[in-house]
Amino acid sequence: MDESLLRPITPADHAAVLSWNEANVELLSPLDEARLAELLAWSDLGAVIGHQGVDVGFVLTFAAGSAYDSTNYRWFADRNPAFLYLDRVVVDPAVRRSGVATRVYDAIEARARSRGPVMCLEVNLDPPNEPSLAFHHRRGYLEVGQEEAQGHLVSLLEKQLG
């Protein structure tokens, strides 16, 4: 893992992670210190995203077999024996369109290849997250279902990696 791009979340990062999550909570799920600790314990990867020496976001992924209790994760787990689920990725708006997200996805998809042949995630349809949908479609993610969860309609996306 490229430590300048992705480094493990430490307790010193929790306040920043919670702040990034709160700034994007309408597209994510609420998160507090206890829930963050729980998610990190279940996660395959919990990382801070770095860009030009500055922390600019975070990412959480979960592999098949995790105890993660997300409805969307469980939807994929019921259909795929081996996969990596991208639960949250937040990048500071100040560095959007700089290639950071592309580099993060390249790294996560490379990691996913060793966890299973499928990368899974969901993107909000209501409220719509058009930039995210366009980004994922350009990367080859295909909708395999839709789900209503926590008051949001989401597009369930998969990418075959190998």
C-alpha atoms as a PDB file:
ATOM      1  CA  MET A   1       0.000   0.000   0.000  1.00  0.00           C
ATOM      2  CA  ASP A   2       1.324   3.429  -0.960  1.00  0.00           C
ATOM      3  CA  GLU A   3       1.728   5.073   2.470  1.00  0.00           C
ATOM      4  CA  SER A   4       1.788   8.559   0.919  1.00  0.00           C
ATOM      5  CA  LEU A   5      -1.660   7.901  -0.585  1.00  0.00           C
ATOM      6  CA  LEU A   6      -3.256   5.561   1.981  1.00  0.00           C
ATOM      7  CA  ARG A   7      -2.108   5.073   5.549  1.00  0.00           C
ATOM      8  CA  PRO A   8      -3.921   3.271   8.355  1.00  0.00           C
ATOM      9  CA  ILE A   9      -6.327   5.337  10.440  1.00  0.00           C
ATOM     10  CA  THR A  10      -4.925   5.806  13.948  1.00  0.00           C
ATOM     11  CA  PRO A  11      -6.703   7.108  17.060  1.00  0.00           C
ATOM     12  CA  ALA A  12      -5.083  10.500  16.368  1.00  0.00           C
ATOM     13  CA  ASP A  13      -7.046  10.600  13.074  1.00  0.00           C
ATOM     14  CA  HIS A  14     -10.483   9.892  14.562  1.00  0.00           C
ATOM     15  CA  ALA A  15     -11.524  13.544  14.964  1.00  0.00           C
ATOM     16  CA  ALA A  16     -10.650  14.296  11.333  1.00  0.00           C
ATOM     17  CA  VAL A  17     -12.423  11.152  10.075  1.00  0.00           C
ATOM     18  CA  LEU A  18     -15.552  12.024  12.064  1.00  0.00           C
ATOM     19  CA  SER A  19     -15.432  15.577  10.689  1.00  0.00           C
ATOM     20  CA  TRP A  20     -15.063  14.401   7.069  1.00  0.00           C
ATOM     21  CA  ASN A  21     -17.923  11.959   7.579  1.00  0.00           C
ATOM     22  CA  GLU A  22     -20.176  14.634   9.117  1.00  0.00           C
ATOM     23  CA  ALA A  23     -19.477  17.004   6.214  1.00  0.00           C
ATOM     24  CA  ASN A  24     -20.815  14.301   3.878  1.00  0.00           C
ATOM     25  CA  VAL A  25     -23.368  12.613   6.140  1.00  0.00           C
ATOM     26  CA  GLU A  26     -26.234  13.112   3.647  1.00  0.00           C
ATOM     27  CA  LEU A  27     -24.388  10.714   1.314  1.00  0.00           C
ATOM     28  CA  LEU A  28     -23.055   8.411   4.055  1.00  0.00           C
ATOM     29  CA  SER A  29     -24.302   7.201   7.424  1.00  0.00           C
ATOM     30  CA  PRO A  30     -23.895   9.021  10.718  1.00  0.00           C
ATOM     31  CA  LEU A  31     -20.700   8.120  12.564  1.00  0.00           C
ATOM     32  CA  ASP A  32     -19.541   8.655  16.120  1.00  0.00           C
ATOM     33  CA  GLU A  33     -16.378   7.588  17.956  1.00  0.00           C
ATOM     34  CA  ALA A  34     -17.812   4.259  19.162  1.00  0.00           C
ATOM     35  CA  ARG A  35     -19.169   3.322  15.735  1.00  0.00           C
ATOM     36  CA  LEU A  36     -15.886   4.304  14.049  1.00  0.00           C
ATOM     37  CA  ALA A  37     -13.964   1.997  16.410  1.00  0.00           C
ATOM     38  CA  GLU A  38     -16.414  -0.814  15.646  1.00  0.00           C
ATOM     39  CA  LEU A  39     -16.124  -0.297  11.883  1.00  0.00           C
ATOM     40  CA  LEU A  40     -12.333  -0.203  12.018  1.00  0.00           C
ATOM     41  CA  ALA A  41     -12.325  -3.512  13.927  1.00  0.00           C
ATOM     42  CA  TRP A  42     -14.414  -5.140  11.172  1.00  0.00           C
ATOM     43  CA  SER A  43     -12.776  -3.421   8.218  1.00  0.00           C
ATOM     44  CA  ASP A  44     -10.341  -4.817   5.699  1.00  0.00           C
ATOM     45  CA  LEU A  45      -8.946  -1.305   5.245  1.00  0.00           C
ATOM     46  CA  GLY A  46      -9.458   1.872   7.216  1.00  0.00           C
ATOM     47  CA  ALA A  47      -7.152   4.500   5.737  1.00  0.00           C
ATOM     48  CA  VAL A  48      -6.533   8.218   5.647  1.00  0.00           C
ATOM     49  CA  ILE A  49      -6.063   9.566   2.127  1.00  0.00           C
ATOM     50  CA  GLY A  50      -3.015  11.762   1.640  1.00  0.00           C
ATOM     51  CA  HIS A  51      -2.291  14.203  -1.184  1.00  0.00           C
ATOM     52  CA  GLN A  52       0.873  16.270  -1.467  1.00  0.00           C
ATOM     53  CA  GLY A  53       1.654  15.669   2.199  1.00  0.00           C
ATOM     54  CA  VAL A  54      -1.788  16.712   3.468  1.00  0.00           C
ATOM     55  CA  ASP A  55      -4.574  14.457   4.800  1.00  0.00           C
ATOM     56  CA  VAL A  56      -7.558  14.978   2.500  1.00  0.00           C
ATOM     57  CA  GLY A  57     -10.043  12.219   3.323  1.00  0.00           C
ATOM     58  CA  PHE A  58     -10.583   8.636   4.346  1.00  0.00           C
ATOM     59  CA  VAL A  59     -11.732   5.274   3.034  1.00  0.00           C
ATOM     60  CA  LEU A  60     -13.267   2.164   4.638  1.00  0.00           C
ATOM     61  CA  THR A  61     -13.525  -1.240   2.969  1.00  0.00           C
ATOM     62  CA  PHE A  62     -14.841  -4.598   4.170  1.00  0.00           C
ATOM     63  CA  ALA A  63     -13.971  -8.045   2.826  1.00  0.00           C
ATOM     64  CA  ALA A  64     -16.316 -10.998   2.470  1.00  0.00           C
ATOM     65  CA  GLY A  65     -16.860 -12.695   5.831  1.00  0.00           C
ATOM     66  CA  SER A  66     -16.754  -9.497   7.887  1.00  0.00           C
ATOM     67  CA  ALA A  67     -19.156  -9.013  10.790  1.00  0.00           C
ATOM     68  CA  TYR A  68     -20.156  -5.656   9.261  1.00  0.00           C
ATOM     69  CA  ASP A  69     -23.871  -5.090   9.865  1.00  0.00           C
ATOM     70  CA  SER A  70     -24.687  -2.803   6.921  1.00  0.00           C
ATOM     71  CA  THR A  71     -27.798  -3.731   4.930  1.00  0.00           C
ATOM     72  CA  ASN A  72     -26.012  -2.957   1.670  1.00  0.00           C
ATOM     73  CA  TYR A  73     -22.929  -4.987   2.639  1.00  0.00           C
ATOM     74  CA  ARG A  74     -25.204  -7.921   3.536  1.00  0.00           C
ATOM     75  CA  TRP A  75     -26.954  -7.629   0.135  1.00  0.00           C
ATOM     76  CA  PHE A  76     -23.605  -8.218  -1.586  1.00  0.00           C
ATOM     77  CA  ALA A  77     -22.544 -10.899   0.928  1.00  0.00           C
ATOM     78  CA  ASP A  78     -25.688 -12.900   0.137  1.00  0.00           C
ATOM     79  CA  ARG A  79     -24.727 -12.950  -3.564  1.00  0.00           C
ATOM     80  CA  ASN A  80     -20.903 -13.075  -3.647  1.00  0.00           C
ATOM     81  CA  PRO A  81     -18.646 -15.566  -1.867  1.00  0.00           C
ATOM     82  CA  ALA A  82     -15.543 -13.395  -2.369  1.00  0.00           C
ATOM     83  CA  PHE A  83     -15.568  -9.610  -2.757  1.00  0.00           C
ATOM     84  CA  LEU A  84     -14.339  -6.325  -1.365  1.00  0.00           C
ATOM     85  CA  TYR A  85     -16.978  -3.783  -0.368  1.00  0.00           C
ATOM     86  CA  LEU A  86     -16.156  -0.086  -0.480  1.00  0.00           C
ATOM     87  CA  ASP A  87     -18.281   1.406   2.261  1.00  0.00           C
ATOM     88  CA  ARG A  88     -17.080   4.997   2.510  1.00  0.00           C
ATOM     89  CA  VAL A  89     -14.713   7.197   0.609  1.00  0.00           C
ATOM     90  CA  VAL A  90     -14.507  10.921   1.303  1.00  0.00           C
ATOM     91  CA  VAL A  91     -12.175  13.319  -0.476  1.00  0.00           C
ATOM     92  CA  ASP A  92     -11.898  16.994   0.458  1.00  0.00           C
ATOM     93  CA  PRO A  93     -13.653  19.123  -2.207  1.00  0.00           C
ATOM     94  CA  ALA A  94     -10.498  21.262  -2.460  1.00  0.00           C
ATOM     95  CA  VAL A  95      -8.644  18.365  -4.146  1.00  0.00           C
ATOM     96  CA  ARG A  96     -11.428  16.986  -6.305  1.00  0.00           C
ATOM     97  CA  ARG A  97     -10.517  16.743  -9.985  1.00  0.00           C
ATOM     98  CA  SER A  98      -6.828  16.389  -9.027  1.00  0.00           C
ATOM     99  CA  GLY A  99      -6.673  12.633  -9.686  1.00  0.00           C
ATOM    100  CA  VAL A 100      -6.744  11.681  -6.001  1.00  0.00           C
ATOM    101  CA  ALA A 101      -9.927   9.595  -6.297  1.00  0.00           C
ATOM    102  CA  THR A 102      -8.585   7.792  -9.364  1.00  0.00           C
ATOM    103  CA  ARG A 103      -5.378   6.907  -7.496  1.00  0.00           C
ATOM    104  CA  VAL A 104      -7.369   5.758  -4.451  1.00  0.00           C
ATOM    105  CA  TYR A 105      -9.616   3.551  -6.587  1.00  0.00           C
ATOM    106  CA  ASP A 106      -6.615   2.120  -8.447  1.00  0.00           C
ATOM    107  CA  ALA A 107      -5.079   1.141  -5.087  1.00  0.00           C
ATOM    108  CA  ILE A 108      -8.315  -0.262  -3.649  1.00  0.00           C
ATOM    109  CA  GLU A 109      -9.137  -2.241  -6.794  1.00  0.00           C
ATOM    110  CA  ALA A 110      -5.612  -3.725  -6.731  1.00  0.00           C
ATOM    111  CA  ARG A 111      -6.217  -4.711  -3.091  1.00  0.00           C
ATOM    112  CA  ALA A 112      -9.636  -6.119  -4.020  1.00  0.00           C
ATOM    113  CA  ARG A 113      -8.113  -8.468  -6.620  1.00  0.00           C
ATOM    114  CA  SER A 114      -6.455 -10.374  -3.776  1.00  0.00           C
ATOM    115  CA  ARG A 115      -9.717 -10.537  -1.775  1.00  0.00           C
ATOM    116  CA  GLY A 116     -12.021 -11.764  -4.528  1.00  0.00           C
ATOM    117  CA  PRO A 117     -12.991 -11.148  -8.100  1.00  0.00           C
ATOM    118  CA  VAL A 118     -15.591  -8.463  -7.354  1.00  0.00           C
ATOM    119  CA  MET A 119     -15.490  -4.906  -6.015  1.00  0.00           C
ATOM    120  CA  CYS A 120     -18.853  -3.772  -4.623  1.00  0.00           C
ATOM    121  CA  LEU A 121     -20.303  -0.477  -3.463  1.00  0.00           C
ATOM    122  CA  GLU A 122     -23.440   1.634  -3.531  1.00  0.00           C
ATOM    123  CA  VAL A 123     -24.169   5.167  -4.650  1.00  0.00           C
ATOM    124  CA  ASN A 124     -27.156   7.270  -3.620  1.00  0.00           C
ATOM    125  CA  LEU A 125     -29.955   7.695  -6.152  1.00  0.00           C
ATOM    126  CA  ASP A 126     -32.197   9.598  -3.734  1.00  0.00           C
ATOM    127  CA  PRO A 127     -30.753  12.049  -3.020  1.00  0.00           C
ATOM    128  CA  PRO A 128     -28.845  11.594  -6.288  1.00  0.00           C
ATOM    129  CA  ASN A 129     -25.066  11.606  -6.286  1.00  0.00           C
ATOM    130  CA  GLU A 130     -24.572  12.241 -10.013  1.00  0.00           C
ATOM    131  CA  PRO A 131     -20.808  12.915  -9.889  1.00  0.00           C
ATOM    132  CA  SER A 132     -20.224   9.620  -8.067  1.00  0.00           C
ATOM    133  CA  LEU A 133     -22.462   7.666 -10.442  1.00  0.00           C
ATOM    134  CA  ALA A 134     -20.616   9.108 -13.460  1.00  0.00           C
ATOM    135  CA  PHE A 135     -17.207   8.378 -11.887  1.00  0.00           C
ATOM    136  CA  HIS A 136     -18.116   4.752 -11.169  1.00  0.00           C
ATOM    137  CA  HIS A 137     -19.640   4.148 -14.591  1.00  0.00           C
ATOM    138  CA  ARG A 138     -16.454   5.486 -16.228  1.00  0.00           C
ATOM    139  CA  ARG A 139     -14.476   2.990 -14.134  1.00  0.00           C
ATOM    140  CA  GLY A 140     -16.605   0.068 -15.320  1.00  0.00           C
ATOM    141  CA  TYR A 141     -18.985  -0.397 -12.394  1.00  0.00           C
ATOM    142  CA  LEU A 142     -22.377  -1.798 -13.362  1.00  0.00           C
ATOM    143  CA  GLU A 143     -25.649  -1.595 -11.478  1.00  0.00           C
ATOM    144  CA  VAL A 144     -26.720  -5.015 -10.208  1.00  0.00           C
ATOM    145  CA  GLY A 145     -29.640  -3.858  -8.077  1.00  0.00           C
ATOM    146  CA  GLN A 146     -31.262  -1.088  -6.105  1.00  0.00           C
ATOM    147  CA  GLU A 147     -32.076  -1.000  -2.419  1.00  0.00           C
ATOM    148  CA  GLU A 148     -33.977   1.273  -0.060  1.00  0.00           C
ATOM    149  CA  ALA A 149     -32.020   1.632   3.156  1.00  0.00           C
ATOM    150  CA  GLN A 150     -31.997   4.245   5.906  1.00  0.00           C
ATOM    151  CA  GLY A 151     -34.307   6.514   3.908  1.00  0.00           C
ATOM    152  CA  HIS A 152     -32.102   6.453   0.795  1.00  0.00           C
ATOM    153  CA  LEU A 153     -32.553   4.694  -2.522  1.00  0.00           C
ATOM    154  CA  VAL A 154     -29.150   3.420  -3.637  1.00  0.00           C
ATOM    155  CA  SER A 155     -27.707   1.898  -6.781  1.00  0.00           C
ATOM    156  CA  LEU A 156     -25.799  -1.292  -5.942  1.00  0.00           C
ATOM    157  CA  LEU A 157     -22.730  -1.436  -8.173  1.00  0.00           C
ATOM    158  CA  GLU A 158     -20.174  -4.129  -8.954  1.00  0.00           C
ATOM    159  CA  LYS A 159     -17.006  -4.309 -10.964  1.00  0.00           C
ATOM    160  CA  GLN A 160     -15.528  -7.628 -12.062  1.00  0.00           C
ATOM    161  CA  LEU A 161     -11.786  -7.374 -11.482  1.00  0.00           C
ATOM    162  CA  GLY A 162     -10.359 -10.450 -13.077  1.00  0.00           C
END
